[in-house]
Amino acid sequence: MSPDRYIITGGPGSGKSTLLEELKRQGYHCFEEASRRIIRREAARQSGILPWKNLLAFSKMAVEAMIRQHERSSVLDGVCFFDRGLPDVFGYLRNAGLDVPAGYRAALAACRYRTEVFVLPPWEEIFVQDSERPQTWDESVSLYRSLCEVYSELGFRLFEVPRGSVWCRARYLESVVGAAMRKADATK
C-alpha cells in the first residue's frame, strides 16, 4: 500500500515549516522543504547555485531532490506531508517568467500526490526574511499567487489553511485529510 502524500505550499514566510514541525511532532511522516536544504548546501560553496542567481539550474536540483523524497516516501504507510511539491517549482519558474522544462512535467506525472493540496496564505505578521528566504513581502505574495494558479491549472484542489495557532492549523489539515479518507473508503 502506498502512502497518501499531501503537499503543503504557499509563499515564503507563511508558516509552512512551523506547521510541518508540529505535524512531525504529532507522529506524521514529514519531508522538509528540499529547496532549503539545497540553499544551505549551495550557500556554503564559493560558486553555489542559488535560486535568486540561477533559477533554472537551481530548479533542476530541486526537482531531483523532490523526486528522491517521493521515492523515500514509497516505503511508508499512512499519511505523509511534504513542505512543497514538484508543482512549486513550476510556480517559481512562472513567477520569474521562465518556461517549465518538459522533463519536469514527466517527473510530476510519475510522482503521485493527493489532489488535495494545503496552501498557506500570505501572513504579514509572521513573515520573516532570512538567508534562505530573502524574498520581500511583495515577492512572497506574488509567489503565492503563482503557486495557486499553477496548482489549480494542474488539477489540484487547494485548501487554504486559516491563519491561527500552529495547533489550529494542524487540526485543519487533519480534518481535511480525515474527510478525504472517509470519502475514499465510501467509494470502495
Protein backbone atom coordinates (compact mmCIF):
# COMPACT_ATOMS: atom_id res chain seq x y z
CA MET A 1 0.00 0.00 0.00
CA SER A 2 1.41 3.40 -0.93
CA PRO A 3 1.21 6.41 1.37
CA ASP A 4 -1.17 9.32 1.00
CA ARG A 5 1.15 12.17 0.02
CA TYR A 6 -0.12 15.65 0.85
CA ILE A 7 1.63 18.84 -0.21
CA ILE A 8 1.78 21.95 1.95
CA THR A 9 2.53 25.03 -0.15
CA GLY A 10 2.44 28.81 0.00
CA GLY A 11 4.69 31.79 -0.38
CA PRO A 12 7.87 32.15 1.66
CA GLY A 13 7.31 33.05 5.30
CA SER A 14 3.72 31.82 5.55
CA GLY A 15 4.35 29.23 8.29
CA LYS A 16 4.84 26.01 6.30
CA SER A 17 7.97 24.81 8.09
CA THR A 18 6.49 25.54 11.52
CA LEU A 19 3.32 23.65 10.61
CA LEU A 20 5.35 20.73 9.29
CA GLU A 21 7.32 20.59 12.56
CA GLU A 22 4.05 20.40 14.50
CA LEU A 23 2.76 17.59 12.28
CA LYS A 24 6.06 15.74 12.71
CA ARG A 25 5.84 16.18 16.49
CA GLN A 26 2.40 14.55 16.33
CA GLY A 27 3.86 11.50 14.62
CA TYR A 28 3.17 12.13 10.94
CA HIS A 29 5.73 11.33 8.28
CA CYS A 30 7.02 14.71 7.10
CA PHE A 31 9.51 15.80 4.47
CA GLU A 32 11.21 19.16 4.91
CA GLU A 33 11.46 21.65 2.07
CA ALA A 34 14.08 20.25 -0.32
CA SER A 35 14.96 23.72 -1.58
CA ARG A 36 16.03 24.97 1.86
CA ARG A 37 18.44 22.07 2.24
CA ILE A 38 19.89 22.80 -1.22
CA ILE A 39 20.18 26.53 -0.42
CA ARG A 40 22.12 25.76 2.79
CA ARG A 41 24.48 23.46 0.90
CA GLU A 42 24.97 25.77 -2.09
CA ALA A 43 25.39 28.92 0.03
CA ALA A 44 28.38 27.25 1.71
CA ARG A 45 30.08 26.79 -1.67
CA GLN A 46 32.00 29.62 -3.28
CA SER A 47 30.20 29.25 -6.61
CA GLY A 48 26.99 27.72 -5.29
CA ILE A 49 23.84 27.64 -7.38
CA LEU A 50 21.16 29.70 -5.65
CA PRO A 51 17.61 30.35 -6.90
CA TRP A 52 17.98 34.14 -6.88
CA LYS A 53 21.10 33.83 -9.08
CA ASN A 54 20.26 30.95 -11.45
CA LEU A 55 16.70 29.72 -11.00
CA LEU A 56 16.78 27.23 -13.90
CA ALA A 57 19.88 25.42 -12.64
CA PHE A 58 18.56 25.52 -9.08
CA SER A 59 15.17 24.18 -10.17
CA LYS A 60 16.87 21.13 -11.69
CA MET A 61 18.48 20.33 -8.33
CA ALA A 62 15.18 20.93 -6.53
CA VAL A 63 13.25 18.61 -8.86
CA GLU A 64 15.85 15.87 -8.40
CA ALA A 65 15.69 16.25 -4.60
CA MET A 66 11.88 16.19 -4.62
CA ILE A 67 11.87 13.02 -6.71
CA ARG A 68 14.23 11.41 -4.16
CA GLN A 69 11.90 12.48 -1.33
CA HIS A 70 8.97 10.98 -3.20
CA GLU A 71 10.86 7.72 -3.68
CA ARG A 72 11.82 7.60 0.03
CA SER A 73 8.17 8.03 0.96
CA SER A 74 7.19 4.95 -1.05
CA VAL A 75 8.14 2.59 1.78
CA LEU A 76 5.88 4.38 4.26
CA ASP A 77 2.27 3.68 5.16
CA GLY A 78 -0.32 6.24 6.07
CA VAL A 79 -0.20 9.99 5.60
CA CYS A 80 2.92 11.90 4.52
CA PHE A 81 3.23 15.66 4.38
CA PHE A 82 5.65 17.46 2.06
CA ASP A 83 6.84 21.03 2.59
CA ARG A 84 6.39 21.92 -1.09
CA GLY A 85 5.95 19.56 -4.02
CA LEU A 86 7.05 19.42 -7.64
CA PRO A 87 4.35 21.90 -8.77
CA ASP A 88 6.03 24.51 -6.56
CA VAL A 89 8.97 24.50 -8.96
CA PHE A 90 6.53 25.25 -11.79
CA GLY A 91 5.12 28.17 -9.78
CA TYR A 92 8.53 29.65 -9.03
CA LEU A 93 9.51 29.40 -12.70
CA ARG A 94 6.24 31.01 -13.81
CA ASN A 95 6.67 33.80 -11.30
CA ALA A 96 10.10 34.50 -12.81
CA GLY A 97 8.73 34.43 -16.37
CA LEU A 98 10.56 31.19 -17.22
CA ASP A 99 9.22 28.15 -19.06
CA VAL A 100 8.91 24.81 -17.29
CA PRO A 101 11.31 22.28 -18.88
CA ALA A 102 9.43 19.37 -20.48
CA GLY A 103 11.12 16.79 -18.27
CA TYR A 104 9.58 18.37 -15.18
CA ARG A 105 6.08 17.51 -16.39
CA ALA A 106 7.14 13.89 -16.87
CA ALA A 107 8.57 13.88 -13.34
CA LEU A 108 5.28 15.22 -11.96
CA ALA A 109 3.31 12.55 -13.84
CA ALA A 110 5.50 9.87 -12.23
CA CYS A 111 5.14 11.30 -8.72
CA ARG A 112 1.76 10.67 -7.17
CA TYR A 113 0.44 13.24 -4.76
CA ARG A 114 -3.05 13.57 -3.33
CA THR A 115 -5.14 16.07 -5.27
CA GLU A 116 -5.94 17.92 -2.04
CA VAL A 117 -3.18 20.50 -1.50
CA PHE A 118 -2.87 22.71 1.56
CA VAL A 119 -1.95 26.31 0.79
CA LEU A 120 -0.91 28.77 3.46
CA PRO A 121 -1.85 32.34 2.53
CA PRO A 122 0.47 35.30 2.98
CA TRP A 123 0.52 36.42 6.61
CA GLU A 124 2.46 39.62 7.15
CA GLU A 125 2.50 39.35 10.96
CA ILE A 126 4.61 36.16 10.86
CA PHE A 127 6.57 36.92 7.68
CA VAL A 128 10.34 36.92 8.24
CA GLN A 129 13.21 37.11 5.78
CA ASP A 130 16.37 35.11 6.38
CA SER A 131 19.44 33.94 4.46
CA GLU A 132 17.49 31.04 2.95
CA ARG A 133 14.39 33.12 2.31
CA PRO A 134 15.46 36.57 1.06
CA GLN A 135 12.20 37.38 -0.74
CA THR A 136 10.40 40.58 0.19
CA TRP A 137 6.81 40.61 1.38
CA ASP A 138 5.60 41.65 -2.10
CA GLU A 139 7.64 38.86 -3.72
CA SER A 140 6.17 36.35 -1.28
CA VAL A 141 2.63 37.46 -2.18
CA SER A 142 3.44 37.23 -5.90
CA LEU A 143 4.84 33.71 -5.46
CA TYR A 144 1.73 32.70 -3.52
CA ARG A 145 -0.45 33.81 -6.43
CA SER A 146 1.71 31.98 -8.99
CA LEU A 147 1.65 28.82 -6.88
CA CYS A 148 -2.15 28.91 -6.57
CA GLU A 149 -2.54 29.40 -10.33
CA VAL A 150 -0.18 26.53 -11.19
CA TYR A 151 -1.67 24.06 -8.73
CA SER A 152 -5.19 24.84 -9.96
CA GLU A 153 -4.17 24.51 -13.61
CA LEU A 154 -2.57 21.13 -12.86
CA GLY A 155 -5.86 19.85 -11.41
CA PHE A 156 -5.12 20.04 -7.70
CA ARG A 157 -7.78 21.19 -5.21
CA LEU A 158 -6.47 23.93 -2.97
CA PHE A 159 -7.48 24.05 0.68
CA GLU A 160 -6.50 27.38 2.20
CA VAL A 161 -5.23 26.86 5.73
CA PRO A 162 -6.74 29.51 8.01
CA ARG A 163 -4.47 31.82 9.94
CA GLY A 164 -4.22 30.84 13.59
CA SER A 165 -2.08 28.95 16.04
CA VAL A 166 0.04 26.14 14.64
CA TRP A 167 -2.13 23.72 16.64
CA CYS A 168 -5.31 25.03 14.96
CA ARG A 169 -3.66 24.86 11.54
CA ALA A 170 -2.65 21.24 12.16
CA ARG A 171 -6.24 20.39 13.23
CA TYR A 172 -7.49 21.90 9.97
CA LEU A 173 -5.18 19.66 7.92
CA GLU A 174 -6.28 16.63 9.92
CA SER A 175 -9.95 17.45 9.30
CA VAL A 176 -9.43 17.68 5.53
CA VAL A 177 -7.31 14.50 5.46
CA GLY A 178 -9.93 12.68 7.54
CA ALA A 179 -12.72 13.77 5.20
CA ALA A 180 -10.70 12.66 2.16
CA MET A 181 -10.06 9.26 3.74
CA ARG A 182 -13.73 8.78 4.63
CA LYS A 183 -14.69 9.70 1.06
CA ALA A 184 -12.15 7.21 -0.35
CA ASP A 185 -13.43 4.47 1.98
CA ALA A 186 -17.02 5.15 0.91
CA THR A 187 -16.16 4.61 -2.76
CA LYS A 188 -14.50 1.22 -2.19
